[in-house]
Amino acid sequence: MLGYTIKRVLLFIPLLFGVATVTFFLVYVLPGDPVLSMVGERYDDETLQQLRREMHLDRPVYVQYAHFIGGLVRLDFGTSYVTGEPVAESVLRRFPYTLRLALFAMLISVVVGVSVGVLAAWKWRTPIDYVTMGGTIVGISMPVFWLGVLLIYVFAMRLHWLPASGYGSGGLRHMVLPAITLASASMAYVARITRSSVLDVIREQYIQTARAKGVTERRTLFAHALRNALLPVITVVGADFGSFLSGAVLTESIFAWPGLGRFTLDAILKRDVPTIQGAVFFMALVFMVINLLVDLAYAWVDPRVKLTRGRE
C-alpha cells in the first residue's frame, strides 16, 4: 500500500506540470488586454507601458512561462492584477467556503443517492423502481442554474422558509438550497449506479448461496450485496466530490456563495490572469488528490482489489 501511494504521488509531478503548462497558454491566448481592463477608458501610453513592465507582460512568452513555473515551484501564484493581494492567500481564504458546501452536498448525494438506488434494486421492476429511476432522469437532465432559480423561487420567495442567497453566519439554513442544487445531478448518478451495481451483485453465486441457507432478503441485500456493490459508487462519488471542491461556478454564482468557484469566475470576467492561473492550478491539485484517495479507498471497501506496486 505504501509503495503504491508513493508511486501515485510521484506521478503528480508530470501531471501538475502539464496542467500548469496548459493553464498558462490557454490564459495567454485569451482575447483582451488585462492592462486595458485595469485602467478603463482613460489612460495614456506611458501608464500602459509602466503597468506592463510591473506585470512582466512586456517580456517574451517563454520568459513569462519560466517565471510562472518558477513561482509554482515556490508555491507562489503571483499577485492579483485587480486587488493587489497574493493569489495564494485569496485562494486559501475562499477554499474553506467551497469545502463546507461540497461536504454538505456530498453528504446529501451519498445518503439520498445510495438509499434510492438500493430501494430501486430491492423493488426491481415495480412501480417504485420505475418512479425512482424516472426521478433520476429528471435530476440528471435539469440544468443547475434552472434548479437553483426554481428552489429560490419556491423556498425563499414563496414559502419564506430559507434564505435566497449569501453565506450569512455560516449556518445550515444558508447551505440547504445551494447544497441541494450542487448535489442534484450527482445524487441522480449515484442512485442509478447503485441500483445497477446492486442488481449485478445479487445475481452472483454467493448471494444465491446465502438465500439458499435461509438468510432473509433484507439481510442478504445489506450485509452481503451492498458492500461489494460500492466500488462503482465510490468512483462516481470521488469524481463528483473533486468537482465540487474544484469550485461549483454556477451554484456559487447563483447563491452568491463566497467560494472558490465564484472567485474564479470573477477573475475570468476581470481578466485577472494570475488569479485565473493560480485558482485553476489549485483546483487541479485538489482533484488529483481526491482521485488518489478514491483509488486507495478501493482496497478498504473490497480486500480482493490488488494494488500493483510495479512488476513483480
C-alpha atoms as a PDB file:
ATOM      1  CA  MET A   1       0.000   0.000   0.000  1.00  0.00           C
ATOM      2  CA  LEU A   2       2.801   2.430   0.911  1.00  0.00           C
ATOM      3  CA  GLY A   3       4.702   1.755  -2.306  1.00  0.00           C
ATOM      4  CA  TYR A   4       1.578   2.240  -4.397  1.00  0.00           C
ATOM      5  CA  THR A   5       0.807   5.518  -2.626  1.00  0.00           C
ATOM      6  CA  ILE A   6       4.331   6.847  -3.177  1.00  0.00           C
ATOM      7  CA  LYS A   7       4.167   5.881  -6.843  1.00  0.00           C
ATOM      8  CA  ARG A   8       0.880   7.727  -7.339  1.00  0.00           C
ATOM      9  CA  VAL A   9       2.170  10.804  -5.530  1.00  0.00           C
ATOM     10  CA  LEU A  10       5.281  10.870  -7.759  1.00  0.00           C
ATOM     11  CA  LEU A  11       3.008  10.803 -10.797  1.00  0.00           C
ATOM     12  CA  PHE A  12       1.622  14.146  -9.606  1.00  0.00           C
ATOM     13  CA  ILE A  13       4.773  15.922 -10.777  1.00  0.00           C
ATOM     14  CA  PRO A  14       4.418  15.441 -14.572  1.00  0.00           C
ATOM     15  CA  LEU A  15       0.635  15.766 -14.355  1.00  0.00           C
ATOM     16  CA  LEU A  16       0.808  19.054 -12.475  1.00  0.00           C
ATOM     17  CA  PHE A  17       3.469  20.296 -14.886  1.00  0.00           C
ATOM     18  CA  GLY A  18       1.142  19.507 -17.785  1.00  0.00           C
ATOM     19  CA  VAL A  19      -1.789  21.243 -16.099  1.00  0.00           C
ATOM     20  CA  ALA A  20       0.340  24.301 -15.370  1.00  0.00           C
ATOM     21  CA  THR A  21       1.548  24.470 -18.980  1.00  0.00           C
ATOM     22  CA  VAL A  22      -1.935  24.165 -20.463  1.00  0.00           C
ATOM     23  CA  THR A  23      -3.316  26.712 -17.989  1.00  0.00           C
ATOM     24  CA  PHE A  24      -0.616  29.251 -18.805  1.00  0.00           C
ATOM     25  CA  PHE A  25      -1.011  29.102 -22.561  1.00  0.00           C
ATOM     26  CA  LEU A  26      -4.805  28.952 -22.544  1.00  0.00           C
ATOM     27  CA  VAL A  27      -4.954  32.090 -20.417  1.00  0.00           C
ATOM     28  CA  TYR A  28      -2.261  33.718 -22.529  1.00  0.00           C
ATOM     29  CA  VAL A  29      -4.264  33.360 -25.769  1.00  0.00           C
ATOM     30  CA  LEU A  30      -7.499  34.690 -24.270  1.00  0.00           C
ATOM     31  CA  PRO A  31      -8.783  37.784 -26.087  1.00  0.00           C
ATOM     32  CA  GLY A  32      -8.466  41.149 -24.411  1.00  0.00           C
ATOM     33  CA  ASP A  33      -5.728  43.037 -22.608  1.00  0.00           C
ATOM     34  CA  PRO A  34      -5.590  42.747 -18.797  1.00  0.00           C
ATOM     35  CA  VAL A  35      -3.872  46.119 -18.571  1.00  0.00           C
ATOM     36  CA  LEU A  36      -6.628  47.875 -20.506  1.00  0.00           C
ATOM     37  CA  SER A  37      -9.242  46.214 -18.293  1.00  0.00           C
ATOM     38  CA  MET A  38      -7.498  47.735 -15.270  1.00  0.00           C
ATOM     39  CA  VAL A  39      -7.075  51.311 -16.464  1.00  0.00           C
ATOM     40  CA  GLY A  40     -10.536  51.683 -18.003  1.00  0.00           C
ATOM     41  CA  GLU A  41     -11.319  54.196 -20.721  1.00  0.00           C
ATOM     42  CA  ARG A  42      -8.937  56.965 -19.634  1.00  0.00           C
ATOM     43  CA  TYR A  43      -5.287  56.091 -19.987  1.00  0.00           C
ATOM     44  CA  ASP A  44      -2.061  57.127 -21.634  1.00  0.00           C
ATOM     45  CA  ASP A  45       0.664  55.096 -23.298  1.00  0.00           C
ATOM     46  CA  GLU A  46       3.205  55.774 -20.574  1.00  0.00           C
ATOM     47  CA  THR A  47       0.880  54.364 -17.911  1.00  0.00           C
ATOM     48  CA  LEU A  48       0.187  51.286 -20.037  1.00  0.00           C
ATOM     49  CA  GLN A  49       3.877  50.595 -20.577  1.00  0.00           C
ATOM     50  CA  GLN A  50       4.606  51.057 -16.872  1.00  0.00           C
ATOM     51  CA  LEU A  51       1.883  48.589 -15.867  1.00  0.00           C
ATOM     52  CA  ARG A  52       3.047  46.052 -18.430  1.00  0.00           C
ATOM     53  CA  ARG A  53       6.568  46.210 -17.028  1.00  0.00           C
ATOM     54  CA  GLU A  54       5.291  45.765 -13.469  1.00  0.00           C
ATOM     55  CA  MET A  55       3.216  42.744 -14.536  1.00  0.00           C
ATOM     56  CA  HIS A  56       6.071  41.265 -16.641  1.00  0.00           C
ATOM     57  CA  LEU A  57       3.807  41.405 -19.693  1.00  0.00           C
ATOM     58  CA  ASP A  58       6.449  43.192 -21.754  1.00  0.00           C
ATOM     59  CA  ARG A  59       8.692  40.129 -21.702  1.00  0.00           C
ATOM     60  CA  PRO A  60       8.695  37.285 -24.271  1.00  0.00           C
ATOM     61  CA  VAL A  61       6.255  34.444 -23.762  1.00  0.00           C
ATOM     62  CA  TYR A  62       8.912  31.912 -22.796  1.00  0.00           C
ATOM     63  CA  VAL A  63      10.241  34.263 -20.094  1.00  0.00           C
ATOM     64  CA  GLN A  64       6.730  34.747 -18.698  1.00  0.00           C
ATOM     65  CA  TYR A  65       6.240  30.970 -18.759  1.00  0.00           C
ATOM     66  CA  ALA A  66       9.501  30.337 -16.899  1.00  0.00           C
ATOM     67  CA  HIS A  67       8.542  32.977 -14.330  1.00  0.00           C
ATOM     68  CA  PHE A  68       5.137  31.309 -13.882  1.00  0.00           C
ATOM     69  CA  ILE A  69       6.591  27.807 -13.416  1.00  0.00           C
ATOM     70  CA  GLY A  70       9.219  29.107 -11.028  1.00  0.00           C
ATOM     71  CA  GLY A  71       6.514  30.704  -8.928  1.00  0.00           C
ATOM     72  CA  LEU A  72       4.529  27.472  -8.769  1.00  0.00           C
ATOM     73  CA  VAL A  73       7.607  25.585  -7.564  1.00  0.00           C
ATOM     74  CA  ARG A  74       7.818  28.081  -4.680  1.00  0.00           C
ATOM     75  CA  LEU A  75       4.025  27.826  -4.163  1.00  0.00           C
ATOM     76  CA  ASP A  76       3.785  31.458  -5.247  1.00  0.00           C
ATOM     77  CA  PHE A  77       0.817  32.034  -7.559  1.00  0.00           C
ATOM     78  CA  GLY A  78       1.661  35.683  -8.089  1.00  0.00           C
ATOM     79  CA  THR A  79      -0.254  38.823  -7.220  1.00  0.00           C
ATOM     80  CA  SER A  80      -3.737  39.715  -8.382  1.00  0.00           C
ATOM     81  CA  TYR A  81      -3.902  42.447 -11.004  1.00  0.00           C
ATOM     82  CA  VAL A  82      -7.195  43.682  -9.550  1.00  0.00           C
ATOM     83  CA  THR A  83      -6.805  43.571  -5.769  1.00  0.00           C
ATOM     84  CA  GLY A  84      -3.020  43.540  -5.419  1.00  0.00           C
ATOM     85  CA  GLU A  85      -3.259  40.634  -2.951  1.00  0.00           C
ATOM     86  CA  PRO A  86      -1.225  37.405  -3.224  1.00  0.00           C
ATOM     87  CA  VAL A  87      -3.288  34.909  -5.200  1.00  0.00           C
ATOM     88  CA  ALA A  88      -2.388  32.016  -2.892  1.00  0.00           C
ATOM     89  CA  GLU A  89      -3.811  33.843   0.113  1.00  0.00           C
ATOM     90  CA  SER A  90      -7.010  34.711  -1.753  1.00  0.00           C
ATOM     91  CA  VAL A  91      -7.494  31.115  -2.921  1.00  0.00           C
ATOM     92  CA  LEU A  92      -6.887  29.620   0.521  1.00  0.00           C
ATOM     93  CA  ARG A  93      -9.198  32.166   2.128  1.00  0.00           C
ATOM     94  CA  ARG A  94     -12.108  31.195  -0.119  1.00  0.00           C
ATOM     95  CA  PHE A  95     -11.497  27.449  -0.323  1.00  0.00           C
ATOM     96  CA  PRO A  96     -12.993  26.661   3.140  1.00  0.00           C
ATOM     97  CA  TYR A  97     -16.335  28.072   1.978  1.00  0.00           C
ATOM     98  CA  THR A  98     -16.326  25.740  -1.025  1.00  0.00           C
ATOM     99  CA  LEU A  99     -15.170  22.824   1.151  1.00  0.00           C
ATOM    100  CA  ARG A 100     -18.040  23.375   3.584  1.00  0.00           C
ATOM    101  CA  LEU A 101     -20.596  23.494   0.787  1.00  0.00           C
ATOM    102  CA  ALA A 102     -19.068  20.487  -1.009  1.00  0.00           C
ATOM    103  CA  LEU A 103     -19.089  18.310   2.111  1.00  0.00           C
ATOM    104  CA  PHE A 104     -22.749  19.041   2.774  1.00  0.00           C
ATOM    105  CA  ALA A 105     -23.668  18.492  -0.876  1.00  0.00           C
ATOM    106  CA  MET A 106     -21.733  15.219  -0.961  1.00  0.00           C
ATOM    107  CA  LEU A 107     -23.473  14.027   2.194  1.00  0.00           C
ATOM    108  CA  ILE A 108     -26.848  14.663   0.566  1.00  0.00           C
ATOM    109  CA  SER A 109     -25.735  12.977  -2.652  1.00  0.00           C
ATOM    110  CA  VAL A 110     -24.439   9.816  -0.958  1.00  0.00           C
ATOM    111  CA  VAL A 111     -27.214   9.353   1.610  1.00  0.00           C
ATOM    112  CA  VAL A 112     -30.104  10.028  -0.763  1.00  0.00           C
ATOM    113  CA  GLY A 113     -28.494   8.511  -3.860  1.00  0.00           C
ATOM    114  CA  VAL A 114     -27.457   5.213  -2.254  1.00  0.00           C
ATOM    115  CA  SER A 115     -30.771   4.894  -0.416  1.00  0.00           C
ATOM    116  CA  VAL A 116     -32.803   5.479  -3.569  1.00  0.00           C
ATOM    117  CA  GLY A 117     -30.591   3.120  -5.587  1.00  0.00           C
ATOM    118  CA  VAL A 118     -30.878   0.308  -3.044  1.00  0.00           C
ATOM    119  CA  LEU A 119     -34.644   0.808  -2.806  1.00  0.00           C
ATOM    120  CA  ALA A 120     -34.988   0.671  -6.590  1.00  0.00           C
ATOM    121  CA  ALA A 121     -32.903  -2.523  -6.752  1.00  0.00           C
ATOM    122  CA  TRP A 122     -34.883  -4.109  -3.920  1.00  0.00           C
ATOM    123  CA  LYS A 123     -38.156  -3.242  -5.646  1.00  0.00           C
ATOM    124  CA  TRP A 124     -36.880  -4.114  -9.112  1.00  0.00           C
ATOM    125  CA  ARG A 125     -39.489  -3.897 -11.869  1.00  0.00           C
ATOM    126  CA  THR A 126     -42.132  -2.493  -9.565  1.00  0.00           C
ATOM    127  CA  PRO A 127     -43.769   0.966  -9.649  1.00  0.00           C
ATOM    128  CA  ILE A 128     -41.270   2.135  -7.001  1.00  0.00           C
ATOM    129  CA  ASP A 129     -38.392   1.210  -9.281  1.00  0.00           C
ATOM    130  CA  TYR A 130     -39.923   2.985 -12.265  1.00  0.00           C
ATOM    131  CA  VAL A 131     -40.784   6.145 -10.331  1.00  0.00           C
ATOM    132  CA  THR A 132     -37.381   6.489  -8.660  1.00  0.00           C
ATOM    133  CA  MET A 133     -35.450   5.909 -11.877  1.00  0.00           C
ATOM    134  CA  GLY A 134     -37.698   8.374 -13.674  1.00  0.00           C
ATOM    135  CA  GLY A 135     -36.872  10.910 -10.991  1.00  0.00           C
ATOM    136  CA  THR A 136     -33.146  10.358 -11.510  1.00  0.00           C
ATOM    137  CA  ILE A 137     -33.518  11.153 -15.209  1.00  0.00           C
ATOM    138  CA  VAL A 138     -35.098  14.465 -14.243  1.00  0.00           C
ATOM    139  CA  GLY A 139     -32.258  15.141 -11.792  1.00  0.00           C
ATOM    140  CA  ILE A 140     -29.587  14.440 -14.405  1.00  0.00           C
ATOM    141  CA  SER A 141     -31.321  16.425 -17.137  1.00  0.00           C
ATOM    142  CA  MET A 142     -32.273  19.560 -15.206  1.00  0.00           C
ATOM    143  CA  PRO A 143     -29.752  22.411 -15.655  1.00  0.00           C
ATOM    144  CA  VAL A 144     -28.130  23.584 -12.448  1.00  0.00           C
ATOM    145  CA  PHE A 145     -28.969  27.246 -12.993  1.00  0.00           C
ATOM    146  CA  TRP A 146     -32.644  26.431 -13.573  1.00  0.00           C
ATOM    147  CA  LEU A 147     -32.882  24.226 -10.499  1.00  0.00           C
ATOM    148  CA  GLY A 148     -31.191  26.873  -8.368  1.00  0.00           C
ATOM    149  CA  VAL A 149     -33.566  29.606  -9.508  1.00  0.00           C
ATOM    150  CA  LEU A 150     -36.548  27.288  -9.008  1.00  0.00           C
ATOM    151  CA  LEU A 151     -35.514  26.434  -5.439  1.00  0.00           C
ATOM    152  CA  ILE A 152     -35.004  30.109  -4.637  1.00  0.00           C
ATOM    153  CA  TYR A 153     -38.451  30.969  -6.002  1.00  0.00           C
ATOM    154  CA  VAL A 154     -40.266  28.182  -4.117  1.00  0.00           C
ATOM    155  CA  PHE A 155     -38.495  28.010  -0.760  1.00  0.00           C
ATOM    156  CA  ALA A 156     -37.212  31.578  -0.391  1.00  0.00           C
ATOM    157  CA  MET A 157     -39.620  33.849  -2.228  1.00  0.00           C
ATOM    158  CA  ARG A 158     -42.923  31.967  -1.899  1.00  0.00           C
ATOM    159  CA  LEU A 159     -42.646  29.919   1.288  1.00  0.00           C
ATOM    160  CA  HIS A 160     -40.022  32.087   3.044  1.00  0.00           C
ATOM    161  CA  TRP A 161     -38.518  29.011   4.666  1.00  0.00           C
ATOM    162  CA  LEU A 162     -34.898  29.546   3.655  1.00  0.00           C
ATOM    163  CA  PRO A 163     -32.661  32.495   2.675  1.00  0.00           C
ATOM    164  CA  ALA A 164     -32.326  33.118  -1.040  1.00  0.00           C
ATOM    165  CA  SER A 165     -28.564  33.650  -1.153  1.00  0.00           C
ATOM    166  CA  GLY A 166     -25.442  34.535   0.736  1.00  0.00           C
ATOM    167  CA  TYR A 167     -23.362  32.848   3.404  1.00  0.00           C
ATOM    168  CA  GLY A 168     -24.893  34.578   6.406  1.00  0.00           C
ATOM    169  CA  SER A 169     -23.415  33.374   9.660  1.00  0.00           C
ATOM    170  CA  GLY A 170     -22.477  30.019   8.103  1.00  0.00           C
ATOM    171  CA  GLY A 171     -25.496  28.226   9.499  1.00  0.00           C
ATOM    172  CA  LEU A 172     -27.286  25.274   7.992  1.00  0.00           C
ATOM    173  CA  ARG A 173     -30.187  27.348   6.644  1.00  0.00           C
ATOM    174  CA  HIS A 174     -27.937  29.188   4.189  1.00  0.00           C
ATOM    175  CA  MET A 175     -26.389  25.952   2.906  1.00  0.00           C
ATOM    176  CA  VAL A 176     -29.519  23.910   2.200  1.00  0.00           C
ATOM    177  CA  LEU A 177     -30.528  25.374  -1.162  1.00  0.00           C
ATOM    178  CA  PRO A 178     -27.038  25.641  -2.719  1.00  0.00           C
ATOM    179  CA  ALA A 179     -26.115  22.168  -1.428  1.00  0.00           C
ATOM    180  CA  ILE A 180     -29.235  20.574  -2.924  1.00  0.00           C
ATOM    181  CA  THR A 181     -28.596  22.375  -6.207  1.00  0.00           C
ATOM    182  CA  LEU A 182     -24.979  21.256  -6.267  1.00  0.00           C
ATOM    183  CA  ALA A 183     -25.851  17.662  -5.331  1.00  0.00           C
ATOM    184  CA  SER A 184     -28.807  17.156  -7.694  1.00  0.00           C
ATOM    185  CA  ALA A 185     -27.015  15.631 -10.688  1.00  0.00           C
ATOM    186  CA  SER A 186     -24.550  13.670  -8.526  1.00  0.00           C
ATOM    187  CA  MET A 187     -27.396  12.301  -6.419  1.00  0.00           C
ATOM    188  CA  ALA A 188     -29.170  11.025  -9.526  1.00  0.00           C
ATOM    189  CA  TYR A 189     -25.987   9.402 -10.899  1.00  0.00           C
ATOM    190  CA  VAL A 190     -25.245   7.723  -7.572  1.00  0.00           C
ATOM    191  CA  ALA A 191     -28.781   6.339  -7.392  1.00  0.00           C
ATOM    192  CA  ARG A 192     -28.642   4.860 -10.898  1.00  0.00           C
ATOM    193  CA  ILE A 193     -25.184   3.348 -10.472  1.00  0.00           C
ATOM    194  CA  THR A 194     -26.073   1.936  -7.039  1.00  0.00           C
ATOM    195  CA  ARG A 195     -29.164   0.268  -8.487  1.00  0.00           C
ATOM    196  CA  SER A 196     -27.243  -1.191 -11.431  1.00  0.00           C
ATOM    197  CA  SER A 197     -24.363  -2.396  -9.260  1.00  0.00           C
ATOM    198  CA  VAL A 198     -26.635  -3.989  -6.644  1.00  0.00           C
ATOM    199  CA  LEU A 199     -28.609  -5.799  -9.358  1.00  0.00           C
ATOM    200  CA  ASP A 200     -25.359  -7.201 -10.781  1.00  0.00           C
ATOM    201  CA  VAL A 201     -24.106  -8.347  -7.383  1.00  0.00           C
ATOM    202  CA  ILE A 202     -27.316 -10.092  -6.260  1.00  0.00           C
ATOM    203  CA  ARG A 203     -27.016 -12.397  -9.269  1.00  0.00           C
ATOM    204  CA  GLU A 204     -23.660 -13.691  -8.049  1.00  0.00           C
ATOM    205  CA  GLN A 205     -23.348 -17.261  -6.794  1.00  0.00           C
ATOM    206  CA  TYR A 206     -22.547 -16.370  -3.182  1.00  0.00           C
ATOM    207  CA  ILE A 207     -25.750 -14.334  -2.950  1.00  0.00           C
ATOM    208  CA  GLN A 208     -27.741 -17.309  -4.212  1.00  0.00           C
ATOM    209  CA  THR A 209     -25.978 -19.470  -1.628  1.00  0.00           C
ATOM    210  CA  ALA A 210     -26.914 -17.071   1.170  1.00  0.00           C
ATOM    211  CA  ARG A 211     -30.536 -17.171   0.083  1.00  0.00           C
ATOM    212  CA  ALA A 212     -30.461 -20.971  -0.046  1.00  0.00           C
ATOM    213  CA  LYS A 213     -29.238 -21.022   3.563  1.00  0.00           C
ATOM    214  CA  GLY A 214     -32.348 -19.147   4.604  1.00  0.00           C
ATOM    215  CA  VAL A 215     -30.843 -15.679   5.029  1.00  0.00           C
ATOM    216  CA  THR A 216     -33.571 -13.047   4.767  1.00  0.00           C
ATOM    217  CA  GLU A 217     -33.775 -10.898   1.656  1.00  0.00           C
ATOM    218  CA  ARG A 218     -33.056  -7.703   3.610  1.00  0.00           C
ATOM    219  CA  ARG A 219     -30.000  -9.155   5.351  1.00  0.00           C
ATOM    220  CA  THR A 220     -28.723 -10.569   2.057  1.00  0.00           C
ATOM    221  CA  LEU A 221     -29.073  -7.185   0.441  1.00  0.00           C
ATOM    222  CA  PHE A 222     -27.433  -5.062   3.125  1.00  0.00           C
ATOM    223  CA  ALA A 223     -24.948  -7.470   4.712  1.00  0.00           C
ATOM    224  CA  HIS A 224     -23.668  -9.252   1.590  1.00  0.00           C
ATOM    225  CA  ALA A 225     -24.556  -7.391  -1.588  1.00  0.00           C
ATOM    226  CA  LEU A 226     -24.258  -3.703  -0.757  1.00  0.00           C
ATOM    227  CA  ARG A 227     -20.601  -3.582   0.278  1.00  0.00           C
ATOM    228  CA  ASN A 228     -19.461  -5.403  -2.836  1.00  0.00           C
ATOM    229  CA  ALA A 229     -21.619  -3.101  -4.950  1.00  0.00           C
ATOM    230  CA  LEU A 230     -19.990   0.057  -3.638  1.00  0.00           C
ATOM    231  CA  LEU A 231     -16.867   0.136  -5.825  1.00  0.00           C
ATOM    232  CA  PRO A 232     -18.521   1.850  -8.831  1.00  0.00           C
ATOM    233  CA  VAL A 233     -20.317   4.180  -6.430  1.00  0.00           C
ATOM    234  CA  ILE A 234     -17.026   5.244  -4.834  1.00  0.00           C
ATOM    235  CA  THR A 235     -15.672   6.133  -8.275  1.00  0.00           C
ATOM    236  CA  VAL A 236     -18.598   8.436  -9.005  1.00  0.00           C
ATOM    237  CA  VAL A 237     -18.594   9.953  -5.521  1.00  0.00           C
ATOM    238  CA  GLY A 238     -14.865  10.662  -5.677  1.00  0.00           C
ATOM    239  CA  ALA A 239     -15.061  12.313  -9.090  1.00  0.00           C
ATOM    240  CA  ASP A 240     -18.085  14.397  -8.099  1.00  0.00           C
ATOM    241  CA  PHE A 241     -16.541  15.434  -4.807  1.00  0.00           C
ATOM    242  CA  GLY A 242     -13.411  16.515  -6.638  1.00  0.00           C
ATOM    243  CA  SER A 243     -15.504  18.656  -8.980  1.00  0.00           C
ATOM    244  CA  PHE A 244     -17.381  20.135  -6.018  1.00  0.00           C
ATOM    245  CA  LEU A 245     -14.116  21.096  -4.333  1.00  0.00           C
ATOM    246  CA  SER A 246     -12.727  22.428  -7.577  1.00  0.00           C
ATOM    247  CA  GLY A 247     -15.372  25.095  -7.478  1.00  0.00           C
ATOM    248  CA  ALA A 248     -19.036  24.867  -8.412  1.00  0.00           C
ATOM    249  CA  VAL A 249     -19.084  28.021 -10.518  1.00  0.00           C
ATOM    250  CA  LEU A 250     -22.783  28.140 -11.400  1.00  0.00           C
ATOM    251  CA  THR A 251     -24.063  27.174  -7.961  1.00  0.00           C
ATOM    252  CA  GLU A 252     -21.842  29.626  -6.107  1.00  0.00           C
ATOM    253  CA  SER A 253     -22.727  32.396  -8.544  1.00  0.00           C
ATOM    254  CA  ILE A 254     -26.482  31.818  -8.284  1.00  0.00           C
ATOM    255  CA  PHE A 255     -26.479  31.795  -4.493  1.00  0.00           C
ATOM    256  CA  ALA A 256     -23.755  34.456  -4.039  1.00  0.00           C
ATOM    257  CA  TRP A 257     -21.651  31.918  -2.163  1.00  0.00           C
ATOM    258  CA  PRO A 258     -18.169  33.310  -1.383  1.00  0.00           C
ATOM    259  CA  GLY A 259     -16.320  30.204  -2.535  1.00  0.00           C
ATOM    260  CA  LEU A 260     -13.592  29.329  -4.994  1.00  0.00           C
ATOM    261  CA  GLY A 261     -15.896  28.878  -7.981  1.00  0.00           C
ATOM    262  CA  ARG A 262     -17.389  32.355  -7.782  1.00  0.00           C
ATOM    263  CA  PHE A 263     -13.935  33.792  -7.087  1.00  0.00           C
ATOM    264  CA  THR A 264     -12.555  32.186 -10.272  1.00  0.00           C
ATOM    265  CA  LEU A 265     -15.487  33.380 -12.373  1.00  0.00           C
ATOM    266  CA  ASP A 266     -14.955  36.964 -11.179  1.00  0.00           C
ATOM    267  CA  ALA A 267     -11.279  36.684 -12.090  1.00  0.00           C
ATOM    268  CA  ILE A 268     -12.151  35.477 -15.596  1.00  0.00           C
ATOM    269  CA  LEU A 269     -14.591  38.341 -16.141  1.00  0.00           C
ATOM    270  CA  LYS A 270     -11.955  40.853 -14.983  1.00  0.00           C
ATOM    271  CA  ARG A 271      -9.157  39.200 -16.996  1.00  0.00           C
ATOM    272  CA  ASP A 272      -7.107  38.778 -13.808  1.00  0.00           C
ATOM    273  CA  VAL A 273      -4.512  36.422 -15.272  1.00  0.00           C
ATOM    274  CA  PRO A 274      -2.513  35.440 -12.126  1.00  0.00           C
ATOM    275  CA  THR A 275      -5.730  34.740 -10.225  1.00  0.00           C
ATOM    276  CA  ILE A 276      -7.092  32.561 -13.041  1.00  0.00           C
ATOM    277  CA  GLN A 277      -3.859  30.602 -13.304  1.00  0.00           C
ATOM    278  CA  GLY A 278      -3.495  30.131  -9.557  1.00  0.00           C
ATOM    279  CA  ALA A 279      -7.119  29.124  -8.995  1.00  0.00           C
ATOM    280  CA  VAL A 280      -7.149  26.642 -11.889  1.00  0.00           C
ATOM    281  CA  PHE A 281      -3.870  25.087 -10.762  1.00  0.00           C
ATOM    282  CA  PHE A 282      -5.179  24.736  -7.209  1.00  0.00           C
ATOM    283  CA  MET A 283      -8.405  23.136  -8.490  1.00  0.00           C
ATOM    284  CA  ALA A 284      -6.406  20.607 -10.499  1.00  0.00           C
ATOM    285  CA  LEU A 285      -4.293  19.751  -7.467  1.00  0.00           C
ATOM    286  CA  VAL A 286      -7.384  19.189  -5.322  1.00  0.00           C
ATOM    287  CA  PHE A 287      -8.978  16.991  -7.983  1.00  0.00           C
ATOM    288  CA  MET A 288      -5.868  14.832  -8.273  1.00  0.00           C
ATOM    289  CA  VAL A 289      -5.661  14.366  -4.501  1.00  0.00           C
ATOM    290  CA  ILE A 290      -9.303  13.255  -4.411  1.00  0.00           C
ATOM    291  CA  ASN A 291      -8.650  10.743  -7.206  1.00  0.00           C
ATOM    292  CA  LEU A 292      -5.737   9.293  -5.227  1.00  0.00           C
ATOM    293  CA  LEU A 293      -7.906   8.899  -2.135  1.00  0.00           C
ATOM    294  CA  VAL A 294     -10.578   7.173  -4.240  1.00  0.00           C
ATOM    295  CA  ASP A 295      -8.030   4.660  -5.544  1.00  0.00           C
ATOM    296  CA  LEU A 296      -6.852   3.910  -2.023  1.00  0.00           C
ATOM    297  CA  ALA A 297     -10.448   3.513  -0.833  1.00  0.00           C
ATOM    298  CA  TYR A 298     -10.904   0.564  -3.219  1.00  0.00           C
ATOM    299  CA  ALA A 299      -8.721  -1.675  -1.058  1.00  0.00           C
ATOM    300  CA  TRP A 300     -10.657  -0.744   2.070  1.00  0.00           C
ATOM    301  CA  VAL A 301     -14.062  -1.468   0.529  1.00  0.00           C
ATOM    302  CA  ASP A 302     -13.061  -4.674  -1.264  1.00  0.00           C
ATOM    303  CA  PRO A 303      -9.958  -6.535   0.008  1.00  0.00           C
ATOM    304  CA  ARG A 304      -9.900  -8.531  -3.249  1.00  0.00           C
ATOM    305  CA  VAL A 305      -8.611  -5.463  -5.062  1.00  0.00           C
ATOM    306  CA  LYS A 306      -4.850  -5.757  -5.509  1.00  0.00           C
ATOM    307  CA  LEU A 307      -2.827  -2.568  -5.655  1.00  0.00           C
ATOM    308  CA  THR A 308       0.066  -3.136  -8.002  1.00  0.00           C
ATOM    309  CA  ARG A 309       3.497  -1.919  -6.907  1.00  0.00           C
ATOM    310  CA  GLY A 310       5.183  -2.380 -10.213  1.00  0.00           C
ATOM    311  CA  ARG A 311       6.392  -5.519 -11.943  1.00  0.00           C
ATOM    312  CA  GLU A 312       6.935  -8.392  -9.616  1.00  0.00           C
END
